[in-house]
Amino acid sequence: MSYTYVIEDIENLPRFREFTCPVCGHVQKTYVLLIQTQCENCQERLKLRGLASIGSEIEDVIDAVLIWLGEREELELALKWKQMLDQDEDTYAHPK
């Protein structure tokens, strides 16, 4: 898989997903990176994503990047970079 397809997949990934509880039929939204959640209506625990050592979902790529960002100083630097990207989207935007 080419990395350009991965970039496109990430850019097109919604931040929230809508799902229907298989137990009670309640429809709700949840953050797309969550692996499990709980139904707001019947409290049933629901698995939304797979979790494997070799991920096959684009969400797994995002998880890997978040882990790679590190903690403390490294994460702080990454967040500063994000602020720069947000402030000057034309300069730093990925070409489409």
N, C-alpha and C. Protein backbone atom coordinates (compact mmCIF):
# COMPACT_ATOMS: atom_id res chain seq x y z
N MET A 1 0.85 -1.18 0.00
CA MET A 1 0.00 0.00 0.00
C MET A 1 0.89 1.24 0.00
N SER A 2 0.59 2.15 -0.85
CA SER A 2 1.33 3.39 -0.93
C SER A 2 0.95 4.30 0.23
N TYR A 3 1.94 5.03 0.74
CA TYR A 3 1.66 5.94 1.84
C TYR A 3 0.70 7.04 1.43
N THR A 4 0.64 7.39 0.13
CA THR A 4 -0.30 8.43 -0.28
C THR A 4 -1.74 7.99 -0.08
N TYR A 5 -2.01 6.69 -0.25
CA TYR A 5 -3.36 6.19 0.02
C TYR A 5 -3.66 6.27 1.51
N VAL A 6 -2.67 6.01 2.34
CA VAL A 6 -2.85 6.10 3.79
C VAL A 6 -3.18 7.53 4.17
N ILE A 7 -2.46 8.48 3.61
CA ILE A 7 -2.73 9.89 3.90
C ILE A 7 -4.15 10.25 3.49
N GLU A 8 -4.56 9.83 2.31
CA GLU A 8 -5.93 10.11 1.85
C GLU A 8 -6.96 9.46 2.76
N ASP A 9 -6.70 8.22 3.18
CA ASP A 9 -7.63 7.53 4.08
C ASP A 9 -7.77 8.29 5.40
N ILE A 10 -6.65 8.77 5.93
CA ILE A 10 -6.69 9.52 7.19
C ILE A 10 -7.44 10.83 7.00
N GLU A 11 -7.15 11.52 5.91
CA GLU A 11 -7.83 12.80 5.65
C GLU A 11 -9.34 12.62 5.50
N ASN A 12 -9.77 11.49 4.99
CA ASN A 12 -11.20 11.24 4.76
C ASN A 12 -11.90 10.54 5.92
N LEU A 13 -11.15 10.17 6.94
CA LEU A 13 -11.74 9.45 8.07
C LEU A 13 -12.55 10.42 8.92
N PRO A 14 -13.83 10.15 9.15
CA PRO A 14 -14.61 11.03 10.03
C PRO A 14 -14.11 10.89 11.46
N ARG A 15 -14.29 11.93 12.26
CA ARG A 15 -13.84 11.87 13.65
C ARG A 15 -14.82 11.13 14.55
N PHE A 16 -16.03 10.99 14.09
CA PHE A 16 -17.05 10.26 14.86
C PHE A 16 -17.71 9.24 13.95
N ARG A 17 -18.16 8.14 14.55
CA ARG A 17 -18.90 7.15 13.78
C ARG A 17 -20.25 6.93 14.44
N GLU A 18 -21.23 6.67 13.62
CA GLU A 18 -22.57 6.34 14.11
C GLU A 18 -22.71 4.83 14.08
N PHE A 19 -23.30 4.27 15.12
CA PHE A 19 -23.50 2.83 15.17
C PHE A 19 -24.82 2.52 15.88
N THR A 20 -25.30 1.34 15.63
CA THR A 20 -26.54 0.87 16.24
C THR A 20 -26.21 -0.25 17.22
N CYS A 21 -26.70 -0.13 18.44
CA CYS A 21 -26.48 -1.17 19.45
C CYS A 21 -27.19 -2.44 18.99
N PRO A 22 -26.47 -3.56 18.92
CA PRO A 22 -27.11 -4.80 18.48
C PRO A 22 -28.06 -5.39 19.52
N VAL A 23 -28.01 -4.89 20.75
CA VAL A 23 -28.87 -5.42 21.81
C VAL A 23 -30.22 -4.70 21.85
N CYS A 24 -30.18 -3.35 21.86
CA CYS A 24 -31.43 -2.60 22.02
C CYS A 24 -31.82 -1.78 20.80
N GLY A 25 -30.93 -1.66 19.81
CA GLY A 25 -31.25 -0.91 18.59
C GLY A 25 -31.03 0.59 18.69
N HIS A 26 -30.51 1.06 19.83
CA HIS A 26 -30.25 2.49 20.01
C HIS A 26 -29.13 2.94 19.06
N VAL A 27 -29.35 4.08 18.39
CA VAL A 27 -28.37 4.64 17.47
C VAL A 27 -27.65 5.78 18.20
N GLN A 28 -26.31 5.77 18.14
CA GLN A 28 -25.54 6.82 18.79
C GLN A 28 -24.24 7.07 18.05
N LYS A 29 -23.55 8.13 18.43
CA LYS A 29 -22.26 8.50 17.85
C LYS A 29 -21.17 8.30 18.88
N THR A 30 -19.97 7.97 18.39
CA THR A 30 -18.82 7.85 19.28
C THR A 30 -17.56 8.25 18.53
N TYR A 31 -16.53 8.59 19.28
CA TYR A 31 -15.24 8.97 18.70
C TYR A 31 -14.67 7.80 17.92
N VAL A 32 -14.18 8.04 16.74
CA VAL A 32 -13.80 6.99 15.80
C VAL A 32 -12.63 6.13 16.29
N LEU A 33 -11.76 6.64 17.15
CA LEU A 33 -10.61 5.86 17.60
C LEU A 33 -10.92 4.92 18.76
N LEU A 34 -12.09 5.04 19.36
CA LEU A 34 -12.42 4.15 20.47
C LEU A 34 -12.55 2.71 19.99
N ILE A 35 -12.00 1.81 20.77
CA ILE A 35 -12.09 0.39 20.45
C ILE A 35 -13.37 -0.19 21.03
N GLN A 36 -13.73 0.25 22.22
CA GLN A 36 -14.96 -0.19 22.86
C GLN A 36 -15.72 1.02 23.39
N THR A 37 -17.00 0.85 23.53
CA THR A 37 -17.83 1.89 24.13
C THR A 37 -19.00 1.21 24.84
N GLN A 38 -19.83 2.02 25.44
CA GLN A 38 -20.99 1.49 26.14
C GLN A 38 -22.23 2.15 25.55
N CYS A 39 -23.24 1.34 25.32
CA CYS A 39 -24.50 1.87 24.79
C CYS A 39 -25.09 2.84 25.81
N GLU A 40 -25.48 4.01 25.33
CA GLU A 40 -26.08 5.02 26.20
C GLU A 40 -27.43 4.58 26.74
N ASN A 41 -28.09 3.68 26.02
CA ASN A 41 -29.44 3.27 26.38
C ASN A 41 -29.46 2.06 27.31
N CYS A 42 -28.80 0.96 26.93
CA CYS A 42 -28.89 -0.28 27.72
C CYS A 42 -27.61 -0.61 28.48
N GLN A 43 -26.58 0.22 28.32
CA GLN A 43 -25.31 0.06 29.02
C GLN A 43 -24.49 -1.15 28.57
N GLU A 44 -24.87 -1.79 27.48
CA GLU A 44 -24.12 -2.93 26.95
C GLU A 44 -22.74 -2.46 26.47
N ARG A 45 -21.68 -3.19 26.82
CA ARG A 45 -20.33 -2.90 26.32
C ARG A 45 -20.22 -3.42 24.90
N LEU A 46 -19.74 -2.58 24.00
CA LEU A 46 -19.69 -2.92 22.59
C LEU A 46 -18.29 -2.72 22.03
N LYS A 47 -17.84 -3.66 21.24
CA LYS A 47 -16.55 -3.56 20.55
C LYS A 47 -16.80 -2.93 19.18
N LEU A 48 -16.06 -1.85 18.90
CA LEU A 48 -16.26 -1.11 17.66
C LEU A 48 -15.15 -1.34 16.65
N ARG A 49 -13.97 -1.72 17.13
CA ARG A 49 -12.81 -1.91 16.27
C ARG A 49 -12.10 -3.19 16.68
N GLY A 50 -11.31 -3.69 15.74
CA GLY A 50 -10.44 -4.81 16.06
C GLY A 50 -9.22 -4.29 16.80
N LEU A 51 -8.53 -5.18 17.48
CA LEU A 51 -7.29 -4.81 18.15
C LEU A 51 -6.32 -5.96 17.97
N ALA A 52 -5.30 -5.73 17.16
CA ALA A 52 -4.33 -6.79 16.88
C ALA A 52 -2.94 -6.19 16.83
N SER A 53 -1.93 -7.06 16.95
CA SER A 53 -0.55 -6.56 16.91
C SER A 53 -0.21 -6.00 15.53
N ILE A 54 -0.84 -6.51 14.50
CA ILE A 54 -0.67 -5.98 13.15
C ILE A 54 -2.03 -5.44 12.72
N GLY A 55 -2.19 -4.12 12.83
CA GLY A 55 -3.48 -3.52 12.55
C GLY A 55 -3.80 -3.50 11.08
N SER A 56 -5.05 -3.64 10.78
CA SER A 56 -5.48 -3.64 9.39
C SER A 56 -6.44 -2.49 9.10
N GLU A 57 -6.71 -1.66 10.09
CA GLU A 57 -7.62 -0.54 9.91
C GLU A 57 -6.82 0.75 9.90
N ILE A 58 -7.32 1.77 9.22
CA ILE A 58 -6.62 3.05 9.18
C ILE A 58 -6.51 3.64 10.58
N GLU A 59 -7.46 3.32 11.45
CA GLU A 59 -7.39 3.77 12.83
C GLU A 59 -6.14 3.23 13.52
N ASP A 60 -5.68 2.05 13.12
CA ASP A 60 -4.46 1.48 13.69
C ASP A 60 -3.23 2.31 13.33
N VAL A 61 -3.24 2.90 12.14
CA VAL A 61 -2.14 3.77 11.72
C VAL A 61 -2.13 5.01 12.61
N ILE A 62 -3.30 5.57 12.85
CA ILE A 62 -3.39 6.75 13.72
C ILE A 62 -2.91 6.39 15.12
N ASP A 63 -3.31 5.23 15.63
CA ASP A 63 -2.84 4.78 16.95
C ASP A 63 -1.32 4.72 16.98
N ALA A 64 -0.72 4.17 15.93
CA ALA A 64 0.74 4.04 15.87
C ALA A 64 1.41 5.41 15.88
N VAL A 65 0.84 6.36 15.16
CA VAL A 65 1.40 7.71 15.14
C VAL A 65 1.28 8.35 16.52
N LEU A 66 0.14 8.18 17.16
CA LEU A 66 -0.05 8.75 18.50
C LEU A 66 0.96 8.17 19.49
N ILE A 67 1.21 6.88 19.40
CA ILE A 67 2.21 6.25 20.26
C ILE A 67 3.60 6.78 19.92
N TRP A 68 3.88 6.92 18.64
CA TRP A 68 5.17 7.42 18.19
C TRP A 68 5.44 8.84 18.68
N LEU A 69 4.39 9.65 18.80
CA LEU A 69 4.55 11.04 19.25
C LEU A 69 5.20 11.12 20.62
N GLY A 70 5.05 10.07 21.40
CA GLY A 70 5.71 10.02 22.69
C GLY A 70 4.97 10.76 23.79
N GLU A 71 5.75 11.13 24.79
CA GLU A 71 5.19 11.79 25.96
C GLU A 71 6.01 13.04 26.28
N ARG A 72 5.54 13.78 27.19
CA ARG A 72 6.20 14.97 27.71
C ARG A 72 6.80 15.86 26.62
N GLU A 73 8.13 15.96 26.56
CA GLU A 73 8.77 16.91 25.64
C GLU A 73 8.45 16.60 24.18
N GLU A 74 8.50 15.31 23.82
CA GLU A 74 8.23 14.95 22.43
C GLU A 74 6.80 15.32 22.04
N LEU A 75 5.86 15.01 22.92
CA LEU A 75 4.46 15.33 22.65
C LEU A 75 4.25 16.84 22.60
N GLU A 76 4.93 17.55 23.49
CA GLU A 76 4.82 19.00 23.50
C GLU A 76 5.31 19.59 22.17
N LEU A 77 6.42 19.07 21.66
CA LEU A 77 6.92 19.53 20.37
C LEU A 77 5.94 19.20 19.25
N ALA A 78 5.35 18.02 19.29
CA ALA A 78 4.37 17.63 18.27
C ALA A 78 3.15 18.55 18.31
N LEU A 79 2.70 18.91 19.51
CA LEU A 79 1.55 19.81 19.63
C LEU A 79 1.89 21.21 19.12
N LYS A 80 3.12 21.65 19.33
CA LYS A 80 3.54 22.95 18.78
C LYS A 80 3.53 22.88 17.25
N TRP A 81 4.00 21.77 16.70
CA TRP A 81 3.98 21.60 15.25
C TRP A 81 2.54 21.63 14.74
N LYS A 82 1.63 20.98 15.45
CA LYS A 82 0.21 20.98 15.07
C LYS A 82 -0.32 22.41 15.05
N GLN A 83 0.05 23.22 16.03
CA GLN A 83 -0.39 24.62 16.05
C GLN A 83 0.12 25.36 14.81
N MET A 84 1.37 25.09 14.43
CA MET A 84 1.92 25.72 13.22
C MET A 84 1.14 25.28 11.99
N LEU A 85 0.82 23.99 11.91
CA LEU A 85 0.04 23.49 10.78
C LEU A 85 -1.32 24.15 10.72
N ASP A 86 -1.96 24.28 11.88
CA ASP A 86 -3.30 24.89 11.94
C ASP A 86 -3.28 26.36 11.55
N GLN A 87 -2.20 27.06 11.90
CA GLN A 87 -2.11 28.49 11.63
C GLN A 87 -1.81 28.79 10.17
N ASP A 88 -1.10 27.89 9.51
CA ASP A 88 -0.69 28.15 8.13
C ASP A 88 -0.99 26.93 7.26
N GLU A 89 -2.26 26.60 7.13
CA GLU A 89 -2.66 25.41 6.39
C GLU A 89 -2.19 25.43 4.94
N ASP A 90 -2.12 26.61 4.33
CA ASP A 90 -1.70 26.69 2.92
C ASP A 90 -0.25 26.26 2.74
N THR A 91 0.60 26.61 3.68
CA THR A 91 2.02 26.27 3.57
C THR A 91 2.28 24.81 3.87
N TYR A 92 1.63 24.26 4.89
CA TYR A 92 1.95 22.93 5.36
C TYR A 92 0.96 21.86 4.94
N ALA A 93 -0.07 22.23 4.24
CA ALA A 93 -1.08 21.25 3.85
C ALA A 93 -0.52 20.20 2.89
N HIS A 94 -1.00 18.99 3.04
CA HIS A 94 -0.61 17.91 2.13
C HIS A 94 -1.25 18.18 0.77
N PRO A 95 -0.48 18.12 -0.31
CA PRO A 95 -1.06 18.36 -1.63
C PRO A 95 -2.06 17.27 -2.00
N LYS A 96 -3.17 17.66 -2.53
CA LYS A 96 -4.21 16.69 -2.90
C LYS A 96 -4.20 16.47 -4.39
